[in-house]
Amino acid sequence: DVQLVESGGGLVQAGGSLRLSCVISEWRLDDYVIAWFRQAPGKDREGVAAIRSADSSTYYADSVKGRFTISTISSDNAKNTVYLQMNSLKPEDTAVYYCAVDVHVDNGLSYMLARTLFNYFGRGTQVTVSS
């Protein structure tokens, strides 16, 4: 079974940085997309960043563009690690952050994020940014 395990969340002051990690196991399909979503209390889930395996193309939501960077490392045995480097954090970045994976669709990364076209999610890691 596909497994996703996030780590790296925590409490940080505004303006600080965090790096989230997600280890994805047993994913064996080609041309896939890994994404980060977040959900704050009382708000809808928001897709913030995505990366495509085939060409390493990326997409960022306007709310995080220029501050967050998504990257991946692939290894043998169907295991991938994806990172989300978060800089210049703001209190409004406070949320539970989830990583997700699924095969790429032709409509593109922004489409996949907007419609949450992912069937595999981790359990999330809490990020809290204090003012």
Foldseek 3Di string as FASTA:
>chain_A
DKAKDKDWADEEAAQAKTKMKIKIADDDDAFKKKWKWWDDPPDDIATAKMATPVPRDMDGDPVQPPFWDKDKDDDPRRMIMIMIIGGRDDQVVWTWMKMFMDHDDPVDDVVCRVVVVTDDIHPTDTHGYHD
